[in-house]
């Protein structure tokens, strides 16, 4: 069974309902001179001054199920065509992707990179 065939979780449905409610509130107040509709707690969050969608607030599935998700992308795992990115997890050693941009950064590797930058 492909992850595309799985139904959405209750959590993702709740976030979708919140975003739809937020959109309806904007439409309802569209003729007002000033609208006061903060996006927080409505399926959105502000990150670096930009609105980002909150897809889930909990993991999409149990860890034992997430272990079976892997990809074999050829384009760097940057879009939601990647099954790992779509499941909101990082690519793992099980994945056979090429040029992956969704891999977890190894703590030891990032520490070495930081040390090298400090030496410069």
PDB file of N, CA and C in Angstrom:
ATOM      1  N   UNK A   1       0.842  -1.180   0.000  1.00  0.00           N
ATOM      2  CA  UNK A   1       0.000   0.000   0.000  1.00  0.00           C
ATOM      3  C   UNK A   1       0.892   1.250   0.000  1.00  0.00           C
ATOM      4  N   UNK A   2       0.666   2.137  -0.911  1.00  0.00           N
ATOM      5  CA  UNK A   2       1.419   3.383  -1.012  1.00  0.00           C
ATOM      6  C   UNK A   2       0.931   4.384   0.027  1.00  0.00           C
ATOM      7  N   UNK A   3       1.819   5.281   0.466  1.00  0.00           N
ATOM      8  CA  UNK A   3       1.401   6.281   1.441  1.00  0.00           C
ATOM      9  C   UNK A   3       0.393   7.259   0.841  1.00  0.00           C
ATOM     10  N   UNK A   4       0.308   7.339  -0.489  1.00  0.00           N
ATOM     11  CA  UNK A   4      -0.706   8.174  -1.136  1.00  0.00           C
ATOM     12  C   UNK A   4      -2.111   7.623  -0.920  1.00  0.00           C
ATOM     13  N   UNK A   5      -2.205   6.331  -0.677  1.00  0.00           N
ATOM     14  CA  UNK A   5      -3.504   5.693  -0.522  1.00  0.00           C
ATOM     15  C   UNK A   5      -4.029   5.761   0.915  1.00  0.00           C
ATOM     16  N   UNK A   6      -3.173   6.142   1.849  1.00  0.00           N
ATOM     17  CA  UNK A   6      -3.592   6.197   3.245  1.00  0.00           C
ATOM     18  C   UNK A   6      -4.463   7.421   3.496  1.00  0.00           C
ATOM     19  N   UNK A   7      -5.482   7.288   4.336  1.00  0.00           N
ATOM     20  CA  UNK A   7      -6.318   8.457   4.644  1.00  0.00           C
ATOM     21  C   UNK A   7      -5.549   9.442   5.516  1.00  0.00           C
ATOM     22  N   UNK A   8      -5.941  10.714   5.496  1.00  0.00           N
ATOM     23  CA  UNK A   8      -5.259  11.678   6.358  1.00  0.00           C
ATOM     24  C   UNK A   8      -5.516  11.357   7.824  1.00  0.00           C
ATOM     25  N   UNK A   9      -4.604  11.778   8.664  1.00  0.00           N
ATOM     26  CA  UNK A   9      -4.783  11.553  10.096  1.00  0.00           C
ATOM     27  C   UNK A   9      -5.779  12.564  10.647  1.00  0.00           C
ATOM     28  N   UNK A  10      -6.322  12.279  11.817  1.00  0.00           N
ATOM     29  CA  UNK A  10      -7.228  13.226  12.478  1.00  0.00           C
ATOM     30  C   UNK A  10      -6.507  14.542  12.744  1.00  0.00           C
ATOM     31  N   UNK A  11      -5.226  14.455  13.062  1.00  0.00           N
ATOM     32  CA  UNK A  11      -4.429  15.651  13.336  1.00  0.00           C
ATOM     33  C   UNK A  11      -4.307  16.528  12.094  1.00  0.00           C
ATOM     34  N   UNK A  12      -4.027  15.932  10.935  1.00  0.00           N
ATOM     35  CA  UNK A  12      -3.907  16.738   9.714  1.00  0.00           C
ATOM     36  C   UNK A  12      -5.265  17.311   9.312  1.00  0.00           C
ATOM     37  N   UNK A  13      -6.341  16.570   9.554  1.00  0.00           N
ATOM     38  CA  UNK A  13      -7.684  17.081   9.282  1.00  0.00           C
ATOM     39  C   UNK A  13      -7.987  18.288  10.166  1.00  0.00           C
ATOM     40  N   UNK A  14      -7.624  18.215  11.439  1.00  0.00           N
ATOM     41  CA  UNK A  14      -7.848  19.331  12.358  1.00  0.00           C
ATOM     42  C   UNK A  14      -7.107  20.582  11.883  1.00  0.00           C
ATOM     43  N   UNK A  15      -5.858  20.427  11.457  1.00  0.00           N
ATOM     44  CA  UNK A  15      -5.091  21.576  10.969  1.00  0.00           C
ATOM     45  C   UNK A  15      -5.724  22.148   9.696  1.00  0.00           C
ATOM     46  N   UNK A  16      -6.226  21.279   8.827  1.00  0.00           N
ATOM     47  CA  UNK A  16      -6.895  21.738   7.607  1.00  0.00           C
ATOM     48  C   UNK A  16      -8.162  22.523   7.955  1.00  0.00           C
ATOM     49  N   UNK A  17      -8.933  22.035   8.907  1.00  0.00           N
ATOM     50  CA  UNK A  17     -10.154  22.730   9.339  1.00  0.00           C
ATOM     51  C   UNK A  17      -9.809  24.102   9.908  1.00  0.00           C
ATOM     52  N   UNK A  18      -8.736  24.180  10.681  1.00  0.00           N
ATOM     53  CA  UNK A  18      -8.323  25.473  11.244  1.00  0.00           C
ATOM     54  C   UNK A  18      -7.957  26.465  10.138  1.00  0.00           C
ATOM     55  N   UNK A  19      -7.230  25.996   9.113  1.00  0.00           N
ATOM     56  CA  UNK A  19      -6.861  26.894   8.013  1.00  0.00           C
ATOM     57  C   UNK A  19      -8.092  27.329   7.222  1.00  0.00           C
ATOM     58  N   UNK A  20      -9.038  26.412   7.002  1.00  0.00           N
ATOM     59  CA  UNK A  20     -10.271  26.755   6.289  1.00  0.00           C
ATOM     60  C   UNK A  20     -11.095  27.758   7.097  1.00  0.00           C
ATOM     61  N   UNK A  21     -11.143  27.596   8.411  1.00  0.00           N
ATOM     62  CA  UNK A  21     -11.858  28.531   9.279  1.00  0.00           C
ATOM     63  C   UNK A  21     -11.207  29.911   9.227  1.00  0.00           C
ATOM     64  N   UNK A  22      -9.893  29.943   9.202  1.00  0.00           N
ATOM     65  CA  UNK A  22      -9.160  31.210   9.104  1.00  0.00           C
ATOM     66  C   UNK A  22      -9.491  31.912   7.787  1.00  0.00           C
ATOM     67  N   UNK A  23      -9.519  31.149   6.707  1.00  0.00           N
ATOM     68  CA  UNK A  23      -9.854  31.715   5.401  1.00  0.00           C
ATOM     69  C   UNK A  23     -11.281  32.265   5.407  1.00  0.00           C
ATOM     70  N   UNK A  24     -12.219  31.540   6.014  1.00  0.00           N
ATOM     71  CA  UNK A  24     -13.604  32.013   6.103  1.00  0.00           C
ATOM     72  C   UNK A  24     -13.691  33.297   6.927  1.00  0.00           C
ATOM     73  N   UNK A  25     -12.889  33.411   7.979  1.00  0.00           N
ATOM     74  CA  UNK A  25     -12.881  34.634   8.795  1.00  0.00           C
ATOM     75  C   UNK A  25     -12.382  35.823   7.981  1.00  0.00           C
ATOM     76  N   UNK A  26     -11.396  35.599   7.130  1.00  0.00           N
ATOM     77  CA  UNK A  26     -10.905  36.676   6.259  1.00  0.00           C
ATOM     78  C   UNK A  26     -12.011  37.108   5.299  1.00  0.00           C
ATOM     79  N   UNK A  27     -12.686  36.157   4.687  1.00  0.00           N
ATOM     80  CA  UNK A  27     -13.764  36.493   3.755  1.00  0.00           C
ATOM     81  C   UNK A  27     -14.897  37.235   4.468  1.00  0.00           C
ATOM     82  N   UNK A  28     -15.201  36.801   5.695  1.00  0.00           N
ATOM     83  CA  UNK A  28     -16.289  37.408   6.457  1.00  0.00           C
ATOM     84  C   UNK A  28     -15.980  38.873   6.781  1.00  0.00           C
ATOM     85  N   UNK A  29     -14.708  39.203   6.974  1.00  0.00           N
ATOM     86  CA  UNK A  29     -14.323  40.560   7.347  1.00  0.00           C
ATOM     87  C   UNK A  29     -13.720  41.351   6.186  1.00  0.00           C
ATOM     88  N   UNK A  30     -13.859  40.853   4.972  1.00  0.00           N
ATOM     89  CA  UNK A  30     -13.175  41.473   3.832  1.00  0.00           C
ATOM     90  C   UNK A  30     -13.626  42.898   3.546  1.00  0.00           C
ATOM     91  N   UNK A  31     -14.828  43.280   3.921  1.00  0.00           N
ATOM     92  CA  UNK A  31     -15.305  44.634   3.657  1.00  0.00           C
ATOM     93  C   UNK A  31     -15.024  45.588   4.810  1.00  0.00           C
ATOM     94  N   UNK A  32     -14.500  45.086   5.910  1.00  0.00           N
ATOM     95  CA  UNK A  32     -14.140  45.947   7.037  1.00  0.00           C
ATOM     96  C   UNK A  32     -12.889  46.746   6.678  1.00  0.00           C
ATOM     97  N   UNK A  33     -12.819  47.971   7.200  1.00  0.00           N
ATOM     98  CA  UNK A  33     -11.656  48.818   6.926  1.00  0.00           C
ATOM     99  C   UNK A  33     -10.378  48.203   7.482  1.00  0.00           C
ATOM    100  N   UNK A  34     -10.458  47.649   8.676  1.00  0.00           N
ATOM    101  CA  UNK A  34      -9.301  46.995   9.294  1.00  0.00           C
ATOM    102  C   UNK A  34      -9.719  45.618   9.785  1.00  0.00           C
ATOM    103  N   UNK A  35      -8.972  44.621   9.351  1.00  0.00           N
ATOM    104  CA  UNK A  35      -9.262  43.257   9.788  1.00  0.00           C
ATOM    105  C   UNK A  35      -8.297  42.881  10.903  1.00  0.00           C
ATOM    106  N   UNK A  36      -8.814  42.230  11.911  1.00  0.00           N
ATOM    107  CA  UNK A  36      -7.978  41.744  13.006  1.00  0.00           C
ATOM    108  C   UNK A  36      -8.128  40.232  13.074  1.00  0.00           C
ATOM    109  N   UNK A  37      -7.318  39.551  12.289  1.00  0.00           N
ATOM    110  CA  UNK A  37      -7.407  38.091  12.214  1.00  0.00           C
ATOM    111  C   UNK A  37      -5.992  37.530  12.290  1.00  0.00           C
ATOM    112  N   UNK A  38      -5.437  37.387  13.489  1.00  0.00           N
ATOM    113  CA  UNK A  38      -4.078  36.834  13.582  1.00  0.00           C
ATOM    114  C   UNK A  38      -4.060  35.367  13.143  1.00  0.00           C
ATOM    115  N   UNK A  39      -3.047  34.974  12.370  1.00  0.00           N
ATOM    116  CA  UNK A  39      -3.007  33.614  11.838  1.00  0.00           C
ATOM    117  C   UNK A  39      -2.603  32.551  12.859  1.00  0.00           C
ATOM    118  N   UNK A  40      -2.029  32.958  13.991  1.00  0.00           N
ATOM    119  CA  UNK A  40      -1.606  31.977  14.993  1.00  0.00           C
ATOM    120  C   UNK A  40      -2.777  31.148  15.492  1.00  0.00           C
ATOM    121  N   UNK A  41      -2.532  29.897  15.787  1.00  0.00           N
ATOM    122  CA  UNK A  41      -3.544  28.944  16.277  1.00  0.00           C
ATOM    123  C   UNK A  41      -4.625  28.652  15.239  1.00  0.00           C
ATOM    124  N   UNK A  42      -4.360  28.956  14.002  1.00  0.00           N
ATOM    125  CA  UNK A  42      -5.322  28.664  12.944  1.00  0.00           C
ATOM    126  C   UNK A  42      -4.681  27.814  11.854  1.00  0.00           C
ATOM    127  N   UNK A  43      -3.762  26.943  12.239  1.00  0.00           N
ATOM    128  CA  UNK A  43      -3.108  26.083  11.262  1.00  0.00           C
ATOM    129  C   UNK A  43      -1.915  26.734  10.585  1.00  0.00           C
ATOM    130  N   UNK A  44      -1.489  27.890  11.106  1.00  0.00           N
ATOM    131  CA  UNK A  44      -0.337  28.608  10.569  1.00  0.00           C
ATOM    132  C   UNK A  44       0.590  28.966  11.713  1.00  0.00           C
ATOM    133  N   UNK A  45       1.838  29.231  11.393  1.00  0.00           N
ATOM    134  CA  UNK A  45       2.780  29.777  12.366  1.00  0.00           C
ATOM    135  C   UNK A  45       3.678  30.768  11.624  1.00  0.00           C
ATOM    136  N   UNK A  46       4.221  31.700  12.357  1.00  0.00           N
ATOM    137  CA  UNK A  46       5.098  32.694  11.754  1.00  0.00           C
ATOM    138  C   UNK A  46       6.538  32.297  12.043  1.00  0.00           C
ATOM    139  N   UNK A  47       7.314  32.102  10.980  1.00  0.00           N
ATOM    140  CA  UNK A  47       8.721  31.738  11.085  1.00  0.00           C
ATOM    141  C   UNK A  47       9.520  32.745  10.265  1.00  0.00           C
ATOM    142  N   UNK A  48      10.392  33.475  10.929  1.00  0.00           N
ATOM    143  CA  UNK A  48      11.211  34.499  10.270  1.00  0.00           C
ATOM    144  C   UNK A  48      10.359  35.488   9.478  1.00  0.00           C
ATOM    145  N   UNK A  49       9.222  35.871  10.048  1.00  0.00           N
ATOM    146  CA  UNK A  49       8.358  36.856   9.407  1.00  0.00           C
ATOM    147  C   UNK A  49       7.505  36.315   8.276  1.00  0.00           C
ATOM    148  N   UNK A  50       7.539  35.007   8.041  1.00  0.00           N
ATOM    149  CA  UNK A  50       6.744  34.393   6.978  1.00  0.00           C
ATOM    150  C   UNK A  50       5.754  33.409   7.569  1.00  0.00           C
ATOM    151  N   UNK A  51       4.575  33.312   6.955  1.00  0.00           N
ATOM    152  CA  UNK A  51       3.589  32.327   7.382  1.00  0.00           C
ATOM    153  C   UNK A  51       3.970  30.959   6.842  1.00  0.00           C
ATOM    154  N   UNK A  52       3.969  29.973   7.702  1.00  0.00           N
ATOM    155  CA  UNK A  52       4.248  28.588   7.319  1.00  0.00           C
ATOM    156  C   UNK A  52       3.059  27.736   7.746  1.00  0.00           C
ATOM    157  N   UNK A  53       2.725  26.763   6.931  1.00  0.00           N
ATOM    158  CA  UNK A  53       1.620  25.865   7.252  1.00  0.00           C
ATOM    159  C   UNK A  53       2.040  24.904   8.353  1.00  0.00           C
ATOM    160  N   UNK A  54       1.153  24.693   9.319  1.00  0.00           N
ATOM    161  CA  UNK A  54       1.356  23.664  10.338  1.00  0.00           C
ATOM    162  C   UNK A  54       0.615  22.429   9.831  1.00  0.00           C
ATOM    163  N   UNK A  55       1.361  21.474   9.330  1.00  0.00           N
ATOM    164  CA  UNK A  55       0.727  20.266   8.803  1.00  0.00           C
ATOM    165  C   UNK A  55       0.304  19.353   9.938  1.00  0.00           C
ATOM    166  N   UNK A  56       1.181  19.157  10.909  1.00  0.00           N
ATOM    167  CA  UNK A  56       0.902  18.271  12.039  1.00  0.00           C
ATOM    168  C   UNK A  56       1.531  18.848  13.296  1.00  0.00           C
ATOM    169  N   UNK A  57       0.957  18.515  14.438  1.00  0.00           N
ATOM    170  CA  UNK A  57       1.591  18.887  15.704  1.00  0.00           C
ATOM    171  C   UNK A  57       2.113  17.654  16.429  1.00  0.00           C
ATOM    172  N   UNK A  58       1.802  16.496  15.895  1.00  0.00           N
ATOM    173  CA  UNK A  58       2.298  15.222  16.428  1.00  0.00           C
ATOM    174  C   UNK A  58       2.896  14.421  15.279  1.00  0.00           C
ATOM    175  N   UNK A  59       3.685  13.402  15.581  1.00  0.00           N
ATOM    176  CA  UNK A  59       4.226  12.567  14.498  1.00  0.00           C
ATOM    177  C   UNK A  59       3.094  11.954  13.671  1.00  0.00           C
ATOM    178  N   UNK A  60       3.295  11.766  12.364  1.00  0.00           N
ATOM    179  CA  UNK A  60       2.241  11.233  11.513  1.00  0.00           C
ATOM    180  C   UNK A  60       1.882   9.774  11.809  1.00  0.00           C
ATOM    181  N   UNK A  61       2.795   9.042  12.434  1.00  0.00           N
ATOM    182  CA  UNK A  61       2.546   7.640  12.780  1.00  0.00           C
ATOM    183  C   UNK A  61       3.534   7.224  13.866  1.00  0.00           C
ATOM    184  N   UNK A  62       3.325   6.043  14.390  1.00  0.00           N
ATOM    185  CA  UNK A  62       4.262   5.522  15.392  1.00  0.00           C
ATOM    186  C   UNK A  62       5.628   5.305  14.756  1.00  0.00           C
ATOM    187  N   UNK A  63       6.663   5.393  15.587  1.00  0.00           N
ATOM    188  CA  UNK A  63       8.033   5.221  15.087  1.00  0.00           C
ATOM    189  C   UNK A  63       8.218   3.883  14.382  1.00  0.00           C
ATOM    190  N   UNK A  64       7.561   2.837  14.886  1.00  0.00           N
ATOM    191  CA  UNK A  64       7.711   1.513  14.278  1.00  0.00           C
ATOM    192  C   UNK A  64       7.161   1.486  12.851  1.00  0.00           C
ATOM    193  N   UNK A  65       6.176   2.300  12.562  1.00  0.00           N
ATOM    194  CA  UNK A  65       5.622   2.373  11.207  1.00  0.00           C
ATOM    195  C   UNK A  65       6.488   3.272  10.333  1.00  0.00           C
ATOM    196  N   UNK A  66       6.966   4.379  10.904  1.00  0.00           N
ATOM    197  CA  UNK A  66       7.784   5.320  10.138  1.00  0.00           C
ATOM    198  C   UNK A  66       9.085   4.698   9.655  1.00  0.00           C
ATOM    199  N   UNK A  67       9.544   3.638  10.341  1.00  0.00           N
ATOM    200  CA  UNK A  67      10.775   2.964   9.932  1.00  0.00           C
ATOM    201  C   UNK A  67      10.659   2.353   8.539  1.00  0.00           C
ATOM    202  N   UNK A  68       9.437   2.062   8.097  1.00  0.00           N
ATOM    203  CA  UNK A  68       9.237   1.424   6.799  1.00  0.00           C
ATOM    204  C   UNK A  68       9.197   2.422   5.646  1.00  0.00           C
ATOM    205  N   UNK A  69       9.116   3.709   5.945  1.00  0.00           N
ATOM    206  CA  UNK A  69       9.068   4.719   4.890  1.00  0.00           C
ATOM    207  C   UNK A  69      10.477   4.983   4.390  1.00  0.00           C
ATOM    208  N   UNK A  70      10.653   4.904   3.101  1.00  0.00           N
ATOM    209  CA  UNK A  70      11.934   5.223   2.486  1.00  0.00           C
ATOM    210  C   UNK A  70      11.673   5.697   1.057  1.00  0.00           C
ATOM    211  N   UNK A  71      12.670   6.303   0.472  1.00  0.00           N
ATOM    212  CA  UNK A  71      12.489   6.815  -0.884  1.00  0.00           C
ATOM    213  C   UNK A  71      13.672   6.416  -1.759  1.00  0.00           C
ATOM    214  N   UNK A  72      13.510   6.659  -3.024  1.00  0.00           N
ATOM    215  CA  UNK A  72      14.569   6.422  -3.996  1.00  0.00           C
ATOM    216  C   UNK A  72      14.586   7.563  -5.000  1.00  0.00           C
ATOM    217  N   UNK A  73      14.442   8.769  -4.494  1.00  0.00           N
ATOM    218  CA  UNK A  73      14.336   9.964  -5.347  1.00  0.00           C
ATOM    219  C   UNK A  73      15.607  10.194  -6.163  1.00  0.00           C
ATOM    220  N   UNK A  74      15.418  10.764  -7.321  1.00  0.00           N
ATOM    221  CA  UNK A  74      16.540  11.105  -8.200  1.00  0.00           C
ATOM    222  C   UNK A  74      16.770  12.618  -8.239  1.00  0.00           C
ATOM    223  N   UNK A  75      15.863  13.392  -7.608  1.00  0.00           N
ATOM    224  CA  UNK A  75      15.913  14.853  -7.745  1.00  0.00           C
ATOM    225  C   UNK A  75      16.231  15.586  -6.450  1.00  0.00           C
ATOM    226  N   UNK A  76      16.778  14.942  -5.456  1.00  0.00           N
ATOM    227  CA  UNK A  76      17.239  15.641  -4.261  1.00  0.00           C
ATOM    228  C   UNK A  76      16.272  15.715  -3.102  1.00  0.00           C
ATOM    229  N   UNK A  77      15.110  15.111  -3.199  1.00  0.00           N
ATOM    230  CA  UNK A  77      14.154  15.044  -2.079  1.00  0.00           C
ATOM    231  C   UNK A  77      13.735  16.425  -1.582  1.00  0.00           C
ATOM    232  N   UNK A  78      13.517  17.367  -2.485  1.00  0.00           N
ATOM    233  CA  UNK A  78      13.152  18.724  -2.084  1.00  0.00           C
ATOM    234  C   UNK A  78      11.661  19.006  -2.196  1.00  0.00           C
ATOM    235  N   UNK A  79      10.904  18.155  -2.884  1.00  0.00           N
ATOM    236  CA  UNK A  79       9.476  18.405  -3.058  1.00  0.00           C
ATOM    237  C   UNK A  79       8.675  17.315  -2.354  1.00  0.00           C
ATOM    238  N   UNK A  80       7.358  17.480  -2.347  1.00  0.00           N
ATOM    239  CA  UNK A  80       6.497  16.488  -1.706  1.00  0.00           C
ATOM    240  C   UNK A  80       6.293  15.249  -2.575  1.00  0.00           C
ATOM    241  N   UNK A  81       7.004  15.156  -3.685  1.00  0.00           N
ATOM    242  CA  UNK A  81       7.017  13.904  -4.445  1.00  0.00           C
ATOM    243  C   UNK A  81       7.831  12.860  -3.691  1.00  0.00           C
ATOM    244  N   UNK A  82       8.735  13.326  -2.836  1.00  0.00           N
ATOM    245  CA  UNK A  82       9.545  12.438  -1.997  1.00  0.00           C
ATOM    246  C   UNK A  82       8.660  11.897  -0.880  1.00  0.00           C
ATOM    247  N   UNK A  83       8.576  10.581  -0.748  1.00  0.00           N
ATOM    248  CA  UNK A  83       7.703   9.994   0.272  1.00  0.00           C
ATOM    249  C   UNK A  83       8.166  10.336   1.682  1.00  0.00           C
ATOM    250  N   UNK A  84       9.457  10.508   1.884  1.00  0.00           N
ATOM    251  CA  UNK A  84       9.953  10.895   3.216  1.00  0.00           C
ATOM    252  C   UNK A  84       9.543  12.324   3.539  1.00  0.00           C
ATOM    253  N   UNK A  85       9.753  13.225   2.602  1.00  0.00           N
ATOM    254  CA  UNK A  85       9.400  14.636   2.815  1.00  0.00           C
ATOM    255  C   UNK A  85       7.898  14.775   3.017  1.00  0.00           C
ATOM    256  N   UNK A  86       7.119  13.994   2.256  1.00  0.00           N
ATOM    257  CA  UNK A  86       5.666  14.038   2.378  1.00  0.00           C
ATOM    258  C   UNK A  86       5.232  13.558   3.763  1.00  0.00           C
ATOM    259  N   UNK A  87       5.946  12.576   4.310  1.00  0.00           N
ATOM    260  CA  UNK A  87       5.634  12.065   5.650  1.00  0.00           C
ATOM    261  C   UNK A  87       6.263  12.926   6.743  1.00  0.00           C
ATOM    262  N   UNK A  88       6.946  14.004   6.336  1.00  0.00           N
ATOM    263  CA  UNK A  88       7.588  14.943   7.253  1.00  0.00           C
ATOM    264  C   UNK A  88       8.654  14.287   8.119  1.00  0.00           C
ATOM    265  N   UNK A  89       9.411  13.405   7.483  1.00  0.00           N
ATOM    266  CA  UNK A  89      10.557  12.808   8.164  1.00  0.00           C
ATOM    267  C   UNK A  89      11.787  13.030   7.291  1.00  0.00           C
ATOM    268  N   UNK A  90      12.939  12.907   7.893  1.00  0.00           N
ATOM    269  CA  UNK A  90      14.169  13.061   7.128  1.00  0.00           C
ATOM    270  C   UNK A  90      14.560  11.727   6.517  1.00  0.00           C
ATOM    271  N   UNK A  91      15.248  11.796   5.394  1.00  0.00           N
ATOM    272  CA  UNK A  91      15.711  10.579   4.738  1.00  0.00           C
ATOM    273  C   UNK A  91      16.718   9.862   5.641  1.00  0.00           C
ATOM    274  N   UNK A  92      16.744   8.544   5.533  1.00  0.00           N
ATOM    275  CA  UNK A  92      17.605   7.728   6.386  1.00  0.00           C
ATOM    276  C   UNK A  92      18.568   6.917   5.531  1.00  0.00           C
ATOM    277  N   UNK A  93      19.345   6.086   6.184  1.00  0.00           N
ATOM    278  CA  UNK A  93      20.292   5.219   5.481  1.00  0.00           C
ATOM    279  C   UNK A  93      19.583   4.187   4.609  1.00  0.00           C
ATOM    280  N   UNK A  94      18.314   3.907   4.885  1.00  0.00           N
ATOM    281  CA  UNK A  94      17.550   2.941   4.105  1.00  0.00           C
ATOM    282  C   UNK A  94      17.199   3.510   2.730  1.00  0.00           C
ATOM    283  N   UNK A  95      17.098   4.825   2.620  1.00  0.00           N
ATOM    284  CA  UNK A  95      16.739   5.480   1.362  1.00  0.00           C
ATOM    285  C   UNK A  95      17.852   5.313   0.331  1.00  0.00           C
ATOM    286  N   UNK A  96      17.447   5.263  -0.926  1.00  0.00           N
ATOM    287  CA  UNK A  96      18.415   5.149  -2.019  1.00  0.00           C
ATOM    288  C   UNK A  96      18.361   6.392  -2.901  1.00  0.00           C
ATOM    289  N   UNK A  97      18.146   7.548  -2.279  1.00  0.00           N
ATOM    290  CA  UNK A  97      18.005   8.796  -3.031  1.00  0.00           C
ATOM    291  C   UNK A  97      19.365   9.334  -3.461  1.00  0.00           C
ATOM    292  N   UNK A  98      19.337  10.138  -4.526  1.00  0.00           N
ATOM    293  CA  UNK A  98      20.560  10.739  -5.067  1.00  0.00           C
ATOM    294  C   UNK A  98      20.546  12.238  -4.803  1.00  0.00           C
ATOM    295  N   UNK A  99      21.644  12.779  -4.303  1.00  0.00           N
ATOM    296  CA  UNK A  99      21.740  14.216  -4.044  1.00  0.00           C
ATOM    297  C   UNK A  99      20.745  14.697  -3.021  1.00  0.00           C
ATOM    298  N   UNK A 100      20.540  13.939  -1.978  1.00  0.00           N
ATOM    299  CA  UNK A 100      19.490  14.207  -0.995  1.00  0.00           C
ATOM    300  C   UNK A 100      19.702  15.533  -0.266  1.00  0.00           C
ATOM    301  N   UNK A 101      18.638  16.334  -0.208  1.00  0.00           N
ATOM    302  CA  UNK A 101      18.638  17.593   0.537  1.00  0.00           C
ATOM    303  C   UNK A 101      17.767  17.480   1.785  1.00  0.00           C
ATOM    304  N   UNK A 102      17.305  16.254   2.107  1.00  0.00           N
ATOM    305  CA  UNK A 102      16.398  16.029   3.225  1.00  0.00           C
ATOM    306  C   UNK A 102      17.019  15.109   4.273  1.00  0.00           C
ATOM    307  N   UNK A 103      18.320  14.915   4.224  1.00  0.00           N
ATOM    308  CA  UNK A 103      18.979  13.998   5.156  1.00  0.00           C
ATOM    309  C   UNK A 103      19.230  14.687   6.487  1.00  0.00           C
ATOM    310  N   UNK A 104      19.227  13.902   7.542  1.00  0.00           N
ATOM    311  CA  UNK A 104      19.546  14.425   8.869  1.00  0.00           C
ATOM    312  C   UNK A 104      21.023  14.780   8.905  1.00  0.00           C
ATOM    313  N   UNK A 105      21.343  15.890   9.530  1.00  0.00           N
ATOM    314  CA  UNK A 105      22.738  16.296   9.664  1.00  0.00           C
ATOM    315  C   UNK A 105      23.335  15.539  10.831  1.00  0.00           C
ATOM    316  N   UNK A 106      24.397  14.839  10.559  1.00  0.00           N
ATOM    317  CA  UNK A 106      25.094  14.083  11.594  1.00  0.00           C
ATOM    318  C   UNK A 106      25.724  15.068  12.573  1.00  0.00           C
ATOM    319  N   UNK A 107      25.466  14.895  13.878  1.00  0.00           N
ATOM    320  CA  UNK A 107      25.987  15.816  14.891  1.00  0.00           C
ATOM    321  C   UNK A 107      27.503  15.912  14.847  1.00  0.00           C
ATOM    322  N   UNK A 108      28.180  14.773  14.669  1.00  0.00           N
ATOM    323  CA  UNK A 108      29.637  14.787  14.610  1.00  0.00           C
ATOM    324  C   UNK A 108      30.114  15.559  13.387  1.00  0.00           C
ATOM    325  N   UNK A 109      29.426  15.360  12.259  1.00  0.00           N
ATOM    326  CA  UNK A 109      29.802  16.051  11.033  1.00  0.00           C
ATOM    327  C   UNK A 109      29.595  17.553  11.190  1.00  0.00           C
ATOM    328  N   UNK A 110      28.459  17.961  11.768  1.00  0.00           N
ATOM    329  CA  UNK A 110      28.204  19.392  11.929  1.00  0.00           C
ATOM    330  C   UNK A 110      29.175  20.011  12.921  1.00  0.00           C
ATOM    331  N   UNK A 111      29.593  19.259  13.958  1.00  0.00           N
ATOM    332  CA  UNK A 111      30.588  19.760  14.903  1.00  0.00           C
ATOM    333  C   UNK A 111      31.920  19.995  14.203  1.00  0.00           C
ATOM    334  N   UNK A 112      32.322  19.059  13.324  1.00  0.00           N
ATOM    335  CA  UNK A 112      33.572  19.206  12.577  1.00  0.00           C
ATOM    336  C   UNK A 112      33.510  20.426  11.663  1.00  0.00           C
ATOM    337  N   UNK A 113      32.359  20.616  10.998  1.00  0.00           N
ATOM    338  CA  UNK A 113      32.210  21.765  10.112  1.00  0.00           C
ATOM    339  C   UNK A 113      32.317  23.067  10.891  1.00  0.00           C
ATOM    340  N   UNK A 114      31.733  23.107  12.090  1.00  0.00           N
ATOM    341  CA  UNK A 114      31.795  24.315  12.919  1.00  0.00           C
ATOM    342  C   UNK A 114      33.231  24.596  13.358  1.00  0.00           C
ATOM    343  N   UNK A 115      33.963  23.525  13.712  1.00  0.00           N
ATOM    344  CA  UNK A 115      35.356  23.691  14.123  1.00  0.00           C
ATOM    345  C   UNK A 115      36.198  24.217  12.965  1.00  0.00           C
ATOM    346  N   UNK A 116      35.943  23.702  11.748  1.00  0.00           N
ATOM    347  CA  UNK A 116      36.687  24.159  10.575  1.00  0.00           C
ATOM    348  C   UNK A 116      36.403  25.630  10.290  1.00  0.00           C
ATOM    349  N   UNK A 117      35.147  26.050  10.456  1.00  0.00           N
ATOM    350  CA  UNK A 117      34.795  27.446  10.226  1.00  0.00           C
ATOM    351  C   UNK A 117      35.466  28.352  11.254  1.00  0.00           C
ATOM    352  N   UNK A 118      35.554  27.877  12.508  1.00  0.00           N
ATOM    353  CA  UNK A 118      36.178  28.670  13.563  1.00  0.00           C
ATOM    354  C   UNK A 118      37.672  28.845  13.309  1.00  0.00           C
ATOM    355  N   UNK A 119      38.312  27.825  12.703  1.00  0.00           N
ATOM    356  CA  UNK A 119      39.739  27.899  12.421  1.00  0.00           C
ATOM    357  C   UNK A 119      40.041  28.931  11.340  1.00  0.00           C
ATOM    358  N   UNK A 120      39.095  29.162  10.445  1.00  0.00           N
ATOM    359  CA  UNK A 120      39.311  30.133   9.362  1.00  0.00           C
ATOM    360  C   UNK A 120      39.230  31.504   9.935  1.00  0.00           C
TER     361      UNK A 120
END
